[in-house]
């Protein structure tokens, strides 16, 4: 069984998926969320992906390459730091999440706390629960959308998480160039510059 992990319902680990399933399409937003929960509990990545709309599945497929580019940029940044300032302290909070081996939290359950349906599109307020380190649960509330596609409801993922990946790659490249150009007096200043850039990207893509 493969665990389904996520930072929210638009989880980045979903990069290999089946585009179809034998189950009948979800007939309500509530049924859609129930199927997403069941797929998460069973570790069925194909069943989870089948509940997403076509645009979201395509975005996830493209996201795999974007995240590979981001990690390549991050590796160049780390090398530039070490070459310029020598090997030093660990990354600052907010940057360490890119370290290889850092795993998102497993999704436990998602519920609809509010919804508004207009012309075949549902604006949803969701609450997701995740399993953290040591098995404590952590909850998060956020907005999402579902829409009619063909003969059932599908989850329409926000563009923000995918857009943020490209923006983080660009921010890393800018700071890396700055390190090599001597724009930062020390390692800490360069790390703060990247941390601040990541914070701005996070705020803009909430």
C-alpha atoms as a PDB file:
ATOM      1  CA  UNK A   1       0.000   0.000   0.000  1.00  0.00           C
ATOM      2  CA  UNK A   2       1.401   3.396  -0.979  1.00  0.00           C
ATOM      3  CA  UNK A   3       0.764   6.237   1.486  1.00  0.00           C
ATOM      4  CA  UNK A   4      -0.827   9.339   0.021  1.00  0.00           C
ATOM      5  CA  UNK A   5       0.867  12.412   1.423  1.00  0.00           C
ATOM      6  CA  UNK A   6       0.018  16.078   1.068  1.00  0.00           C
ATOM      7  CA  UNK A   7       0.653  19.596   2.258  1.00  0.00           C
ATOM      8  CA  UNK A   8      -2.987  20.245   1.470  1.00  0.00           C
ATOM      9  CA  UNK A   9      -5.455  18.525  -0.820  1.00  0.00           C
ATOM     10  CA  UNK A  10      -3.288  19.594  -3.788  1.00  0.00           C
ATOM     11  CA  UNK A  11      -0.501  17.253  -2.725  1.00  0.00           C
ATOM     12  CA  UNK A  12       2.727  17.169  -4.653  1.00  0.00           C
ATOM     13  CA  UNK A  13       3.427  13.460  -4.251  1.00  0.00           C
ATOM     14  CA  UNK A  14       0.716  12.608  -6.795  1.00  0.00           C
ATOM     15  CA  UNK A  15       2.836  12.417  -9.938  1.00  0.00           C
ATOM     16  CA  UNK A  16       2.141   8.913 -11.154  1.00  0.00           C
ATOM     17  CA  UNK A  17      -1.542   8.223 -11.580  1.00  0.00           C
ATOM     18  CA  UNK A  18      -4.296   6.439 -13.486  1.00  0.00           C
ATOM     19  CA  UNK A  19      -6.654   8.763 -15.346  1.00  0.00           C
ATOM     20  CA  UNK A  20      -9.696   6.558 -14.999  1.00  0.00           C
ATOM     21  CA  UNK A  21     -11.422   4.274 -12.511  1.00  0.00           C
ATOM     22  CA  UNK A  22     -14.175   1.685 -12.662  1.00  0.00           C
ATOM     23  CA  UNK A  23     -16.239   3.506  -9.997  1.00  0.00           C
ATOM     24  CA  UNK A  24     -19.157   5.638 -11.148  1.00  0.00           C
ATOM     25  CA  UNK A  25     -18.480   9.419 -11.127  1.00  0.00           C
ATOM     26  CA  UNK A  26     -19.189  11.266  -7.868  1.00  0.00           C
ATOM     27  CA  UNK A  27     -22.679  12.753  -7.992  1.00  0.00           C
ATOM     28  CA  UNK A  28     -22.233  15.336  -5.222  1.00  0.00           C
ATOM     29  CA  UNK A  29     -19.293  17.308  -3.786  1.00  0.00           C
ATOM     30  CA  UNK A  30     -19.729  15.330  -0.565  1.00  0.00           C
ATOM     31  CA  UNK A  31     -19.376  12.044  -2.418  1.00  0.00           C
ATOM     32  CA  UNK A  32     -16.304  13.417  -4.166  1.00  0.00           C
ATOM     33  CA  UNK A  33     -14.622  14.190  -0.841  1.00  0.00           C
ATOM     34  CA  UNK A  34     -15.613  10.768   0.520  1.00  0.00           C
ATOM     35  CA  UNK A  35     -13.876   9.124  -2.439  1.00  0.00           C
ATOM     36  CA  UNK A  36     -10.771  11.223  -1.976  1.00  0.00           C
ATOM     37  CA  UNK A  37     -10.680  10.177   1.682  1.00  0.00           C
ATOM     38  CA  UNK A  38     -11.147   6.503   0.805  1.00  0.00           C
ATOM     39  CA  UNK A  39      -8.344   6.664  -1.768  1.00  0.00           C
ATOM     40  CA  UNK A  40      -6.046   8.337   0.767  1.00  0.00           C
ATOM     41  CA  UNK A  41      -6.783   5.705   3.421  1.00  0.00           C
ATOM     42  CA  UNK A  42      -6.169   2.873   0.948  1.00  0.00           C
ATOM     43  CA  UNK A  43      -3.089   4.483  -0.561  1.00  0.00           C
ATOM     44  CA  UNK A  44      -4.719   4.249  -3.999  1.00  0.00           C
ATOM     45  CA  UNK A  45      -3.038   7.000  -6.015  1.00  0.00           C
ATOM     46  CA  UNK A  46      -4.913   6.128  -9.213  1.00  0.00           C
ATOM     47  CA  UNK A  47      -8.303   6.345  -7.495  1.00  0.00           C
ATOM     48  CA  UNK A  48      -7.332   9.709  -5.975  1.00  0.00           C
ATOM     49  CA  UNK A  49      -6.216  11.088  -9.329  1.00  0.00           C
ATOM     50  CA  UNK A  50      -9.433   9.905 -10.963  1.00  0.00           C
ATOM     51  CA  UNK A  51     -11.333  12.374  -8.745  1.00  0.00           C
ATOM     52  CA  UNK A  52      -9.405  15.337 -10.177  1.00  0.00           C
ATOM     53  CA  UNK A  53     -10.429  17.311 -13.233  1.00  0.00           C
ATOM     54  CA  UNK A  54      -8.397  17.019 -16.439  1.00  0.00           C
ATOM     55  CA  UNK A  55      -6.616  20.358 -15.957  1.00  0.00           C
ATOM     56  CA  UNK A  56      -5.504  19.351 -12.455  1.00  0.00           C
ATOM     57  CA  UNK A  57      -4.173  15.982 -13.608  1.00  0.00           C
ATOM     58  CA  UNK A  58      -2.180  17.705 -16.343  1.00  0.00           C
ATOM     59  CA  UNK A  59      -0.836  20.270 -13.870  1.00  0.00           C
ATOM     60  CA  UNK A  60       0.358  17.502 -11.556  1.00  0.00           C
ATOM     61  CA  UNK A  61       2.088  15.702 -14.418  1.00  0.00           C
ATOM     62  CA  UNK A  62       3.928  18.919 -15.353  1.00  0.00           C
ATOM     63  CA  UNK A  63       4.691  19.610 -11.701  1.00  0.00           C
ATOM     64  CA  UNK A  64       7.036  16.612 -11.556  1.00  0.00           C
ATOM     65  CA  UNK A  65       9.456  18.302 -13.962  1.00  0.00           C
ATOM     66  CA  UNK A  66       9.087  21.666 -12.226  1.00  0.00           C
ATOM     67  CA  UNK A  67      10.005  20.163  -8.855  1.00  0.00           C
ATOM     68  CA  UNK A  68      12.999  18.393 -10.361  1.00  0.00           C
ATOM     69  CA  UNK A  69      14.148  21.778 -11.703  1.00  0.00           C
ATOM     70  CA  UNK A  70      13.616  23.329  -8.283  1.00  0.00           C
ATOM     71  CA  UNK A  71      15.803  20.737  -6.567  1.00  0.00           C
ATOM     72  CA  UNK A  72      18.492  21.226  -9.215  1.00  0.00           C
ATOM     73  CA  UNK A  73      18.409  24.984  -8.553  1.00  0.00           C
ATOM     74  CA  UNK A  74      18.571  24.348  -4.814  1.00  0.00           C
ATOM     75  CA  UNK A  75      21.623  22.116  -5.223  1.00  0.00           C
ATOM     76  CA  UNK A  76      23.389  24.894  -7.167  1.00  0.00           C
ATOM     77  CA  UNK A  77      22.473  27.355  -4.395  1.00  0.00           C
ATOM     78  CA  UNK A  78      23.948  25.098  -1.695  1.00  0.00           C
ATOM     79  CA  UNK A  79      27.138  24.653  -3.705  1.00  0.00           C
ATOM     80  CA  UNK A  80      27.423  28.404  -4.270  1.00  0.00           C
ATOM     81  CA  UNK A  81      27.056  29.008  -0.520  1.00  0.00           C
ATOM     82  CA  UNK A  82      29.768  26.502   0.343  1.00  0.00           C
ATOM     83  CA  UNK A  83      32.133  27.721  -2.361  1.00  0.00           C
ATOM     84  CA  UNK A  84      31.730  31.372  -1.365  1.00  0.00           C
ATOM     85  CA  UNK A  85      31.545  31.138   2.425  1.00  0.00           C
ATOM     86  CA  UNK A  86      32.679  27.608   3.294  1.00  0.00           C
ATOM     87  CA  UNK A  87      30.514  24.878   4.708  1.00  0.00           C
ATOM     88  CA  UNK A  88      28.351  26.263   7.478  1.00  0.00           C
ATOM     89  CA  UNK A  89      25.125  26.172   9.435  1.00  0.00           C
ATOM     90  CA  UNK A  90      21.999  24.277   8.361  1.00  0.00           C
ATOM     91  CA  UNK A  91      19.394  25.988   6.242  1.00  0.00           C
ATOM     92  CA  UNK A  92      17.007  28.464   7.818  1.00  0.00           C
ATOM     93  CA  UNK A  93      13.412  27.560   8.596  1.00  0.00           C
ATOM     94  CA  UNK A  94      11.328  27.705   5.430  1.00  0.00           C
ATOM     95  CA  UNK A  95      14.198  26.538   3.253  1.00  0.00           C
ATOM     96  CA  UNK A  96      14.902  23.205   4.927  1.00  0.00           C
ATOM     97  CA  UNK A  97      11.656  21.839   3.468  1.00  0.00           C
ATOM     98  CA  UNK A  98      13.535  21.409   0.181  1.00  0.00           C
ATOM     99  CA  UNK A  99      16.121  19.098   1.705  1.00  0.00           C
ATOM    100  CA  UNK A 100      16.104  15.624   0.119  1.00  0.00           C
ATOM    101  CA  UNK A 101      14.163  13.177   2.244  1.00  0.00           C
ATOM    102  CA  UNK A 102      11.793  15.733   3.750  1.00  0.00           C
ATOM    103  CA  UNK A 103       8.379  14.081   3.560  1.00  0.00           C
ATOM    104  CA  UNK A 104       4.978  15.791   3.528  1.00  0.00           C
ATOM    105  CA  UNK A 105       2.498  14.733   6.213  1.00  0.00           C
ATOM    106  CA  UNK A 106       0.130  11.837   5.413  1.00  0.00           C
ATOM    107  CA  UNK A 107      -3.463  12.902   4.827  1.00  0.00           C
ATOM    108  CA  UNK A 108      -5.893  11.342   7.327  1.00  0.00           C
ATOM    109  CA  UNK A 109      -9.254  12.875   6.474  1.00  0.00           C
ATOM    110  CA  UNK A 110     -10.930  15.830   4.746  1.00  0.00           C
ATOM    111  CA  UNK A 111     -14.398  17.229   5.474  1.00  0.00           C
ATOM    112  CA  UNK A 112     -16.517  19.991   3.911  1.00  0.00           C
ATOM    113  CA  UNK A 113     -17.294  22.718   6.427  1.00  0.00           C
ATOM    114  CA  UNK A 114     -19.093  25.015   3.987  1.00  0.00           C
ATOM    115  CA  UNK A 115     -20.037  25.061   0.304  1.00  0.00           C
ATOM    116  CA  UNK A 116     -21.633  27.317  -2.302  1.00  0.00           C
ATOM    117  CA  UNK A 117     -22.755  25.910  -5.659  1.00  0.00           C
ATOM    118  CA  UNK A 118     -23.146  28.240  -8.640  1.00  0.00           C
ATOM    119  CA  UNK A 119     -23.646  27.026 -12.222  1.00  0.00           C
ATOM    120  CA  UNK A 120     -22.044  23.627 -11.854  1.00  0.00           C
ATOM    121  CA  UNK A 121     -19.136  24.791  -9.706  1.00  0.00           C
ATOM    122  CA  UNK A 122     -18.851  24.370  -5.943  1.00  0.00           C
ATOM    123  CA  UNK A 123     -16.752  26.689  -3.815  1.00  0.00           C
ATOM    124  CA  UNK A 124     -15.746  24.563  -0.836  1.00  0.00           C
ATOM    125  CA  UNK A 125     -14.363  25.320   2.590  1.00  0.00           C
ATOM    126  CA  UNK A 126     -12.419  22.230   3.653  1.00  0.00           C
ATOM    127  CA  UNK A 127     -10.802  21.001   6.823  1.00  0.00           C
ATOM    128  CA  UNK A 128      -8.037  18.432   6.377  1.00  0.00           C
ATOM    129  CA  UNK A 129      -6.355  16.419   9.114  1.00  0.00           C
ATOM    130  CA  UNK A 130      -2.815  15.146   8.751  1.00  0.00           C
ATOM    131  CA  UNK A 131      -0.663  12.762  10.752  1.00  0.00           C
ATOM    132  CA  UNK A 132       2.426  14.494  12.036  1.00  0.00           C
ATOM    133  CA  UNK A 133       5.625  13.190  13.590  1.00  0.00           C
ATOM    134  CA  UNK A 134       4.938  10.841  16.493  1.00  0.00           C
ATOM    135  CA  UNK A 135       1.360  10.407  15.160  1.00  0.00           C
ATOM    136  CA  UNK A 136      -0.259  13.575  16.558  1.00  0.00           C
ATOM    137  CA  UNK A 137      -2.895  14.959  14.180  1.00  0.00           C
ATOM    138  CA  UNK A 138      -2.742  18.449  12.702  1.00  0.00           C
ATOM    139  CA  UNK A 139      -5.741  20.191  11.105  1.00  0.00           C
ATOM    140  CA  UNK A 140      -5.845  22.896   8.446  1.00  0.00           C
ATOM    141  CA  UNK A 141      -8.753  24.775   6.879  1.00  0.00           C
ATOM    142  CA  UNK A 142      -8.592  26.114   3.318  1.00  0.00           C
ATOM    143  CA  UNK A 143     -10.660  26.814   0.223  1.00  0.00           C
ATOM    144  CA  UNK A 144     -10.970  24.543  -2.797  1.00  0.00           C
ATOM    145  CA  UNK A 145     -13.280  24.095  -5.772  1.00  0.00           C
ATOM    146  CA  UNK A 146     -15.148  21.234  -7.386  1.00  0.00           C
ATOM    147  CA  UNK A 147     -16.856  21.332 -10.753  1.00  0.00           C
ATOM    148  CA  UNK A 148     -18.974  19.193 -13.026  1.00  0.00           C
ATOM    149  CA  UNK A 149     -16.911  17.360 -15.635  1.00  0.00           C
ATOM    150  CA  UNK A 150     -18.743  15.044 -17.993  1.00  0.00           C
ATOM    151  CA  UNK A 151     -21.196  13.159 -15.750  1.00  0.00           C
ATOM    152  CA  UNK A 152     -19.723  13.719 -12.301  1.00  0.00           C
ATOM    153  CA  UNK A 153     -18.007  16.084  -9.841  1.00  0.00           C
ATOM    154  CA  UNK A 154     -14.226  16.516  -9.945  1.00  0.00           C
ATOM    155  CA  UNK A 155     -11.843  18.414  -7.704  1.00  0.00           C
ATOM    156  CA  UNK A 156     -10.269  21.453  -9.396  1.00  0.00           C
ATOM    157  CA  UNK A 157      -6.901  22.135  -7.800  1.00  0.00           C
ATOM    158  CA  UNK A 158      -5.697  25.670  -7.254  1.00  0.00           C
ATOM    159  CA  UNK A 159      -2.969  26.947  -9.580  1.00  0.00           C
ATOM    160  CA  UNK A 160      -1.159  28.516  -6.627  1.00  0.00           C
ATOM    161  CA  UNK A 161       0.920  25.498  -5.453  1.00  0.00           C
ATOM    162  CA  UNK A 162       2.128  24.817  -8.988  1.00  0.00           C
ATOM    163  CA  UNK A 163       2.863  28.493  -9.673  1.00  0.00           C
ATOM    164  CA  UNK A 164       4.795  28.739  -6.412  1.00  0.00           C
ATOM    165  CA  UNK A 165       7.195  25.975  -7.485  1.00  0.00           C
ATOM    166  CA  UNK A 166       8.322  27.954 -10.542  1.00  0.00           C
ATOM    167  CA  UNK A 167       8.554  31.149  -8.485  1.00  0.00           C
ATOM    168  CA  UNK A 168      10.709  29.438  -5.848  1.00  0.00           C
ATOM    169  CA  UNK A 169      13.038  28.118  -8.560  1.00  0.00           C
ATOM    170  CA  UNK A 170      13.413  31.653  -9.933  1.00  0.00           C
ATOM    171  CA  UNK A 171      14.077  33.034  -6.433  1.00  0.00           C
ATOM    172  CA  UNK A 172      16.768  30.423  -5.799  1.00  0.00           C
ATOM    173  CA  UNK A 173      18.434  31.248  -9.122  1.00  0.00           C
ATOM    174  CA  UNK A 174      18.428  34.992  -8.287  1.00  0.00           C
ATOM    175  CA  UNK A 175      20.018  34.479  -4.880  1.00  0.00           C
ATOM    176  CA  UNK A 176      22.544  32.009  -6.318  1.00  0.00           C
ATOM    177  CA  UNK A 177      23.622  34.597  -8.896  1.00  0.00           C
ATOM    178  CA  UNK A 178      23.851  37.165  -6.120  1.00  0.00           C
ATOM    179  CA  UNK A 179      26.096  34.900  -4.043  1.00  0.00           C
ATOM    180  CA  UNK A 180      28.476  34.391  -6.956  1.00  0.00           C
ATOM    181  CA  UNK A 181      28.433  38.123  -7.727  1.00  0.00           C
ATOM    182  CA  UNK A 182      29.415  39.006  -4.145  1.00  0.00           C
ATOM    183  CA  UNK A 183      26.122  40.720  -3.247  1.00  0.00           C
ATOM    184  CA  UNK A 184      25.948  39.142   0.230  1.00  0.00           C
ATOM    185  CA  UNK A 185      28.533  39.807   2.968  1.00  0.00           C
ATOM    186  CA  UNK A 186      28.196  36.373   4.562  1.00  0.00           C
ATOM    187  CA  UNK A 187      26.362  33.044   4.477  1.00  0.00           C
ATOM    188  CA  UNK A 188      23.668  34.212   6.880  1.00  0.00           C
ATOM    189  CA  UNK A 189      22.754  37.198   4.691  1.00  0.00           C
ATOM    190  CA  UNK A 190      22.327  34.976   1.643  1.00  0.00           C
ATOM    191  CA  UNK A 191      20.196  32.517   3.595  1.00  0.00           C
ATOM    192  CA  UNK A 192      18.007  35.316   4.935  1.00  0.00           C
ATOM    193  CA  UNK A 193      17.566  36.687   1.405  1.00  0.00           C
ATOM    194  CA  UNK A 194      16.242  33.344   0.182  1.00  0.00           C
ATOM    195  CA  UNK A 195      14.082  32.831   3.267  1.00  0.00           C
ATOM    196  CA  UNK A 196      12.498  36.266   2.748  1.00  0.00           C
ATOM    197  CA  UNK A 197      11.873  35.513  -0.928  1.00  0.00           C
ATOM    198  CA  UNK A 198      10.173  32.237  -0.004  1.00  0.00           C
ATOM    199  CA  UNK A 199       7.999  34.005   2.566  1.00  0.00           C
ATOM    200  CA  UNK A 200       6.853  36.539  -0.026  1.00  0.00           C
ATOM    201  CA  UNK A 201       6.010  33.761  -2.474  1.00  0.00           C
ATOM    202  CA  UNK A 202       4.086  31.910   0.211  1.00  0.00           C
ATOM    203  CA  UNK A 203       2.039  34.989   1.093  1.00  0.00           C
ATOM    204  CA  UNK A 204       1.267  35.738  -2.558  1.00  0.00           C
ATOM    205  CA  UNK A 205       0.079  32.200  -3.266  1.00  0.00           C
ATOM    206  CA  UNK A 206      -2.138  31.597  -0.237  1.00  0.00           C
END
